[in-house]
Amino acid sequence: PALAEDKYTRGVIYKIDQKKMTVE
């Protein structure tokens, strides 16, 4: 980013449908 202060960190949970090859 233009400014280092714009960086952030997340904890995330993804749900993956392995048949449809999608991620939510």
PDB file of all heavy atoms in Angstrom:
ATOM      1  N   PRO A   1       0.831  -1.214   0.000  1.00  0.00           N
ATOM      2  CA  PRO A   1       0.000   0.000   0.000  1.00  0.00           C
ATOM      3  C   PRO A   1       0.862   1.259   0.000  1.00  0.00           C
ATOM      4  O   PRO A   1       2.045   1.219   0.341  1.00  0.00           O
ATOM      5  CB  PRO A   1      -0.797  -0.132   1.303  1.00  0.00           C
ATOM      6  CG  PRO A   1       0.083  -0.959   2.192  1.00  0.00           C
ATOM      7  CD  PRO A   1       0.787  -1.924   1.279  1.00  0.00           C
ATOM      8  N   ALA A   2       0.256   2.365  -0.367  1.00  0.00           N
ATOM      9  CA  ALA A   2       0.983   3.644  -0.383  1.00  0.00           C
ATOM     10  C   ALA A   2       1.497   3.996   1.002  1.00  0.00           C
ATOM     11  O   ALA A   2       2.588   4.526   1.166  1.00  0.00           O
ATOM     12  CB  ALA A   2       0.062   4.751  -0.907  1.00  0.00           C
ATOM     13  N   LEU A   3       0.699   3.678   2.025  1.00  0.00           N
ATOM     14  CA  LEU A   3       1.097   3.940   3.410  1.00  0.00           C
ATOM     15  C   LEU A   3       1.160   2.621   4.168  1.00  0.00           C
ATOM     16  O   LEU A   3       0.198   1.836   4.138  1.00  0.00           O
ATOM     17  CB  LEU A   3       0.085   4.864   4.096  1.00  0.00           C
ATOM     18  CG  LEU A   3      -0.088   6.265   3.500  1.00  0.00           C
ATOM     19  CD1 LEU A   3      -1.237   6.993   4.187  1.00  0.00           C
ATOM     20  CD2 LEU A   3       1.204   7.074   3.633  1.00  0.00           C
ATOM     21  N   ALA A   4       2.273   2.379   4.864  1.00  0.00           N
ATOM     22  CA  ALA A   4       2.415   1.142   5.641  1.00  0.00           C
ATOM     23  C   ALA A   4       1.302   1.016   6.674  1.00  0.00           C
ATOM     24  O   ALA A   4       0.880  -0.089   7.025  1.00  0.00           O
ATOM     25  CB  ALA A   4       3.778   1.114   6.328  1.00  0.00           C
ATOM     26  N   GLU A   5       0.797   2.159   7.163  1.00  0.00           N
ATOM     27  CA  GLU A   5      -0.246   2.155   8.191  1.00  0.00           C
ATOM     28  C   GLU A   5      -1.575   1.610   7.675  1.00  0.00           C
ATOM     29  O   GLU A   5      -2.514   1.391   8.451  1.00  0.00           O
ATOM     30  CB  GLU A   5      -0.464   3.567   8.742  1.00  0.00           C
ATOM     31  CG  GLU A   5       0.705   4.124   9.545  1.00  0.00           C
ATOM     32  CD  GLU A   5       1.905   4.491   8.673  1.00  0.00           C
ATOM     33  OE1 GLU A   5       1.676   4.839   7.489  1.00  0.00           O
ATOM     34  OE2 GLU A   5       3.046   4.414   9.160  1.00  0.00           O
ATOM     35  N   ASP A   6      -1.683   1.407   6.357  1.00  0.00           N
ATOM     36  CA  ASP A   6      -2.918   0.852   5.792  1.00  0.00           C
ATOM     37  C   ASP A   6      -2.985  -0.672   5.925  1.00  0.00           C
ATOM     38  O   ASP A   6      -4.013  -1.281   5.630  1.00  0.00           O
ATOM     39  CB  ASP A   6      -3.052   1.235   4.309  1.00  0.00           C
ATOM     40  CG  ASP A   6      -3.317   2.722   4.123  1.00  0.00           C
ATOM     41  OD1 ASP A   6      -3.787   3.356   5.082  1.00  0.00           O
ATOM     42  OD2 ASP A   6      -3.043   3.242   3.020  1.00  0.00           O
ATOM     43  N   LYS A   7      -1.898  -1.288   6.348  1.00  0.00           N
ATOM     44  CA  LYS A   7      -1.866  -2.750   6.459  1.00  0.00           C
ATOM     45  C   LYS A   7      -2.646  -3.217   7.688  1.00  0.00           C
ATOM     46  O   LYS A   7      -2.625  -2.568   8.730  1.00  0.00           O
ATOM     47  CB  LYS A   7      -0.428  -3.248   6.555  1.00  0.00           C
ATOM     48  CG  LYS A   7       0.415  -2.983   5.314  1.00  0.00           C
ATOM     49  CD  LYS A   7       1.818  -3.545   5.492  1.00  0.00           C
ATOM     50  CE  LYS A   7       2.691  -3.287   4.277  1.00  0.00           C
ATOM     51  NZ  LYS A   7       4.043  -3.887   4.424  1.00  0.00           N
ATOM     52  N   TYR A   8      -3.320  -4.360   7.544  1.00  0.00           N
ATOM     53  CA  TYR A   8      -4.051  -4.943   8.669  1.00  0.00           C
ATOM     54  C   TYR A   8      -4.020  -6.467   8.561  1.00  0.00           C
ATOM     55  O   TYR A   8      -3.715  -7.038   7.511  1.00  0.00           O
ATOM     56  CB  TYR A   8      -5.495  -4.442   8.716  1.00  0.00           C
ATOM     57  CG  TYR A   8      -6.288  -4.706   7.455  1.00  0.00           C
ATOM     58  CD1 TYR A   8      -6.971  -5.902   7.269  1.00  0.00           C
ATOM     59  CD2 TYR A   8      -6.348  -3.741   6.440  1.00  0.00           C
ATOM     60  CE1 TYR A   8      -7.689  -6.144   6.107  1.00  0.00           C
ATOM     61  CE2 TYR A   8      -7.059  -3.969   5.274  1.00  0.00           C
ATOM     62  CZ  TYR A   8      -7.738  -5.173   5.113  1.00  0.00           C
ATOM     63  OH  TYR A   8      -8.436  -5.409   3.958  1.00  0.00           O
ATOM     64  N   THR A   9      -4.341  -7.112   9.671  1.00  0.00           N
ATOM     65  CA  THR A   9      -4.315  -8.571   9.779  1.00  0.00           C
ATOM     66  C   THR A   9      -5.704  -9.069  10.153  1.00  0.00           C
ATOM     67  O   THR A   9      -6.418  -8.413  10.910  1.00  0.00           O
ATOM     68  CB  THR A   9      -3.291  -8.984  10.855  1.00  0.00           C
ATOM     69  OG1 THR A   9      -1.973  -8.707  10.373  1.00  0.00           O
ATOM     70  CG2 THR A   9      -3.396 -10.452  11.199  1.00  0.00           C
ATOM     71  N   ARG A  10      -6.057 -10.254   9.640  1.00  0.00           N
ATOM     72  CA  ARG A  10      -7.378 -10.820   9.946  1.00  0.00           C
ATOM     73  C   ARG A  10      -7.269 -12.252  10.473  1.00  0.00           C
ATOM     74  O   ARG A  10      -6.368 -12.996  10.109  1.00  0.00           O
ATOM     75  CB  ARG A  10      -8.253 -10.866   8.693  1.00  0.00           C
ATOM     76  CG  ARG A  10      -8.444  -9.556   7.970  1.00  0.00           C
ATOM     77  CD  ARG A  10      -9.420  -9.710   6.807  1.00  0.00           C
ATOM     78  NE  ARG A  10      -8.971 -10.725   5.859  1.00  0.00           N
ATOM     79  CZ  ARG A  10      -9.775 -11.409   5.033  1.00  0.00           C
ATOM     80  NH1 ARG A  10     -11.085 -11.183   5.048  1.00  0.00           N
ATOM     81  NH2 ARG A  10      -9.288 -12.296   4.192  1.00  0.00           N
ATOM     82  N   GLY A  11      -8.237 -12.621  11.299  1.00  0.00           N
ATOM     83  CA  GLY A  11      -8.551 -14.028  11.528  1.00  0.00           C
ATOM     84  C   GLY A  11      -9.736 -14.322  10.630  1.00  0.00           C
ATOM     85  O   GLY A  11     -10.706 -13.543  10.603  1.00  0.00           O
ATOM     86  N   VAL A  12      -9.695 -15.418   9.865  1.00  0.00           N
ATOM     87  CA  VAL A  12     -10.727 -15.679   8.857  1.00  0.00           C
ATOM     88  C   VAL A  12     -11.172 -17.139   8.917  1.00  0.00           C
ATOM     89  O   VAL A  12     -10.368 -18.029   9.208  1.00  0.00           O
ATOM     90  CB  VAL A  12     -10.200 -15.402   7.428  1.00  0.00           C
ATOM     91  CG1 VAL A  12     -11.344 -15.380   6.423  1.00  0.00           C
ATOM     92  CG2 VAL A  12      -9.435 -14.108   7.360  1.00  0.00           C
ATOM     93  N   ILE A  13     -12.442 -17.371   8.628  1.00  0.00           N
ATOM     94  CA  ILE A  13     -12.929 -18.729   8.422  1.00  0.00           C
ATOM     95  C   ILE A  13     -13.555 -18.805   7.031  1.00  0.00           C
ATOM     96  O   ILE A  13     -14.397 -17.975   6.664  1.00  0.00           O
ATOM     97  CB  ILE A  13     -13.960 -19.152   9.481  1.00  0.00           C
ATOM     98  CG1 ILE A  13     -13.317 -19.137  10.872  1.00  0.00           C
ATOM     99  CG2 ILE A  13     -14.502 -20.555   9.173  1.00  0.00           C
ATOM    100  CD1 ILE A  13     -14.283 -19.447  12.001  1.00  0.00           C
ATOM    101  N   TYR A  14     -13.092 -19.773   6.260  1.00  0.00           N
ATOM    102  CA  TYR A  14     -13.623 -20.016   4.917  1.00  0.00           C
ATOM    103  C   TYR A  14     -14.402 -21.340   4.906  1.00  0.00           C
ATOM    104  O   TYR A  14     -14.030 -22.291   5.596  1.00  0.00           O
ATOM    105  CB  TYR A  14     -12.493 -20.133   3.896  1.00  0.00           C
ATOM    106  CG  TYR A  14     -11.683 -18.877   3.677  1.00  0.00           C
ATOM    107  CD1 TYR A  14     -10.398 -18.764   4.218  1.00  0.00           C
ATOM    108  CD2 TYR A  14     -12.161 -17.821   2.917  1.00  0.00           C
ATOM    109  CE1 TYR A  14      -9.615 -17.634   4.002  1.00  0.00           C
ATOM    110  CE2 TYR A  14     -11.399 -16.683   2.695  1.00  0.00           C
ATOM    111  CZ  TYR A  14     -10.123 -16.598   3.244  1.00  0.00           C
ATOM    112  OH  TYR A  14      -9.357 -15.473   3.027  1.00  0.00           O
ATOM    113  N   LYS A  15     -15.463 -21.368   4.108  1.00  0.00           N
ATOM    114  CA  LYS A  15     -16.240 -22.593   3.881  1.00  0.00           C
ATOM    115  C   LYS A  15     -16.048 -23.001   2.426  1.00  0.00           C
ATOM    116  O   LYS A  15     -16.367 -22.236   1.507  1.00  0.00           O
ATOM    117  CB  LYS A  15     -17.724 -22.331   4.166  1.00  0.00           C
ATOM    118  CG  LYS A  15     -18.632 -23.523   3.925  1.00  0.00           C
ATOM    119  CD  LYS A  15     -20.091 -23.138   4.162  1.00  0.00           C
ATOM    120  CE  LYS A  15     -21.038 -24.279   3.856  1.00  0.00           C
ATOM    121  NZ  LYS A  15     -22.462 -23.866   4.036  1.00  0.00           N
ATOM    122  N   ILE A  16     -15.492 -24.179   2.217  1.00  0.00           N
ATOM    123  CA  ILE A  16     -15.151 -24.634   0.862  1.00  0.00           C
ATOM    124  C   ILE A  16     -16.063 -25.779   0.438  1.00  0.00           C
ATOM    125  O   ILE A  16     -16.195 -26.778   1.157  1.00  0.00           O
ATOM    126  CB  ILE A  16     -13.673 -25.086   0.804  1.00  0.00           C
ATOM    127  CG1 ILE A  16     -12.755 -23.886   1.087  1.00  0.00           C
ATOM    128  CG2 ILE A  16     -13.345 -25.717  -0.547  1.00  0.00           C
ATOM    129  CD1 ILE A  16     -11.319 -24.251   1.349  1.00  0.00           C
ATOM    130  N   ASP A  17     -16.719 -25.610  -0.693  1.00  0.00           N
ATOM    131  CA  ASP A  17     -17.518 -26.676  -1.301  1.00  0.00           C
ATOM    132  C   ASP A  17     -16.610 -27.387  -2.302  1.00  0.00           C
ATOM    133  O   ASP A  17     -16.311 -26.841  -3.376  1.00  0.00           O
ATOM    134  CB  ASP A  17     -18.755 -26.088  -1.996  1.00  0.00           C
ATOM    135  CG  ASP A  17     -19.707 -27.165  -2.511  1.00  0.00           C
ATOM    136  OD1 ASP A  17     -19.213 -28.185  -3.041  1.00  0.00           O
ATOM    137  OD2 ASP A  17     -20.927 -26.982  -2.398  1.00  0.00           O
ATOM    138  N   GLN A  18     -16.165 -28.581  -1.931  1.00  0.00           N
ATOM    139  CA  GLN A  18     -15.161 -29.279  -2.747  1.00  0.00           C
ATOM    140  C   GLN A  18     -15.730 -29.818  -4.060  1.00  0.00           C
ATOM    141  O   GLN A  18     -14.986 -30.043  -5.007  1.00  0.00           O
ATOM    142  CB  GLN A  18     -14.515 -30.411  -1.941  1.00  0.00           C
ATOM    143  CG  GLN A  18     -13.803 -29.896  -0.700  1.00  0.00           C
ATOM    144  CD  GLN A  18     -12.994 -30.969   0.001  1.00  0.00           C
ATOM    145  OE1 GLN A  18     -11.775 -30.893   0.064  1.00  0.00           O
ATOM    146  NE2 GLN A  18     -13.666 -31.983   0.528  1.00  0.00           N
ATOM    147  N   LYS A  19     -17.033 -30.015  -4.114  1.00  0.00           N
ATOM    148  CA  LYS A  19     -17.655 -30.490  -5.362  1.00  0.00           C
ATOM    149  C   LYS A  19     -17.826 -29.339  -6.354  1.00  0.00           C
ATOM    150  O   LYS A  19     -17.517 -29.469  -7.539  1.00  0.00           O
ATOM    151  CB  LYS A  19     -19.007 -31.150  -5.072  1.00  0.00           C
ATOM    152  CG  LYS A  19     -18.886 -32.544  -4.465  1.00  0.00           C
ATOM    153  CD  LYS A  19     -20.255 -33.199  -4.356  1.00  0.00           C
ATOM    154  CE  LYS A  19     -20.135 -34.648  -3.909  1.00  0.00           C
ATOM    155  NZ  LYS A  19     -21.475 -35.297  -3.769  1.00  0.00           N
ATOM    156  N   LYS A  20     -18.313 -28.209  -5.842  1.00  0.00           N
ATOM    157  CA  LYS A  20     -18.553 -27.056  -6.716  1.00  0.00           C
ATOM    158  C   LYS A  20     -17.297 -26.217  -6.937  1.00  0.00           C
ATOM    159  O   LYS A  20     -17.295 -25.314  -7.772  1.00  0.00           O
ATOM    160  CB  LYS A  20     -19.662 -26.180  -6.136  1.00  0.00           C
ATOM    161  CG  LYS A  20     -21.020 -26.865  -6.076  1.00  0.00           C
ATOM    162  CD  LYS A  20     -22.072 -25.932  -5.480  1.00  0.00           C
ATOM    163  CE  LYS A  20     -23.434 -26.592  -5.417  1.00  0.00           C
ATOM    164  NZ  LYS A  20     -24.451 -25.716  -4.767  1.00  0.00           N
ATOM    165  N   MET A  21     -16.236 -26.495  -6.142  1.00  0.00           N
ATOM    166  CA  MET A  21     -14.973 -25.747  -6.223  1.00  0.00           C
ATOM    167  C   MET A  21     -15.194 -24.263  -5.947  1.00  0.00           C
ATOM    168  O   MET A  21     -14.694 -23.376  -6.634  1.00  0.00           O
ATOM    169  CB  MET A  21     -14.304 -25.948  -7.589  1.00  0.00           C
ATOM    170  CG  MET A  21     -13.791 -27.362  -7.812  1.00  0.00           C
ATOM    171  SD  MET A  21     -12.345 -27.749  -6.782  1.00  0.00           S
ATOM    172  CE  MET A  21     -11.060 -26.855  -7.668  1.00  0.00           C
ATOM    173  N   THR A  22     -15.976 -24.000  -4.875  1.00  0.00           N
ATOM    174  CA  THR A  22     -16.248 -22.626  -4.476  1.00  0.00           C
ATOM    175  C   THR A  22     -15.780 -22.391  -3.043  1.00  0.00           C
ATOM    176  O   THR A  22     -15.614 -23.336  -2.268  1.00  0.00           O
ATOM    177  CB  THR A  22     -17.751 -22.298  -4.560  1.00  0.00           C
ATOM    178  OG1 THR A  22     -18.478 -23.186  -3.701  1.00  0.00           O
ATOM    179  CG2 THR A  22     -18.258 -22.424  -5.980  1.00  0.00           C
ATOM    180  N   VAL A  23     -15.604 -21.120  -2.696  1.00  0.00           N
ATOM    181  CA  VAL A  23     -15.213 -20.756  -1.340  1.00  0.00           C
ATOM    182  C   VAL A  23     -16.043 -19.561  -0.880  1.00  0.00           C
ATOM    183  O   VAL A  23     -16.226 -18.590  -1.615  1.00  0.00           O
ATOM    184  CB  VAL A  23     -13.699 -20.439  -1.238  1.00  0.00           C
ATOM    185  CG1 VAL A  23     -13.300 -19.326  -2.202  1.00  0.00           C
ATOM    186  CG2 VAL A  23     -13.325 -20.060   0.195  1.00  0.00           C
ATOM    187  N   GLU A  24     -16.560 -19.662   0.346  1.00  0.00           N
ATOM    188  CA  GLU A  24     -17.326 -18.579   0.957  1.00  0.00           C
ATOM    189  C   GLU A  24     -16.600 -18.135   2.221  1.00  0.00           C
ATOM    190  O   GLU A  24     -16.168 -18.973   3.023  1.00  0.00           O
ATOM    191  CB  GLU A  24     -18.739 -19.065   1.312  1.00  0.00           C
ATOM    192  CG  GLU A  24     -19.595 -18.031   2.010  1.00  0.00           C
ATOM    193  CD  GLU A  24     -20.887 -18.614   2.576  1.00  0.00           C
ATOM    194  OE1 GLU A  24     -21.199 -19.786   2.284  1.00  0.00           O
ATOM    195  OE2 GLU A  24     -21.563 -17.892   3.341  1.00  0.00           O
TER     196      GLU A  24
END
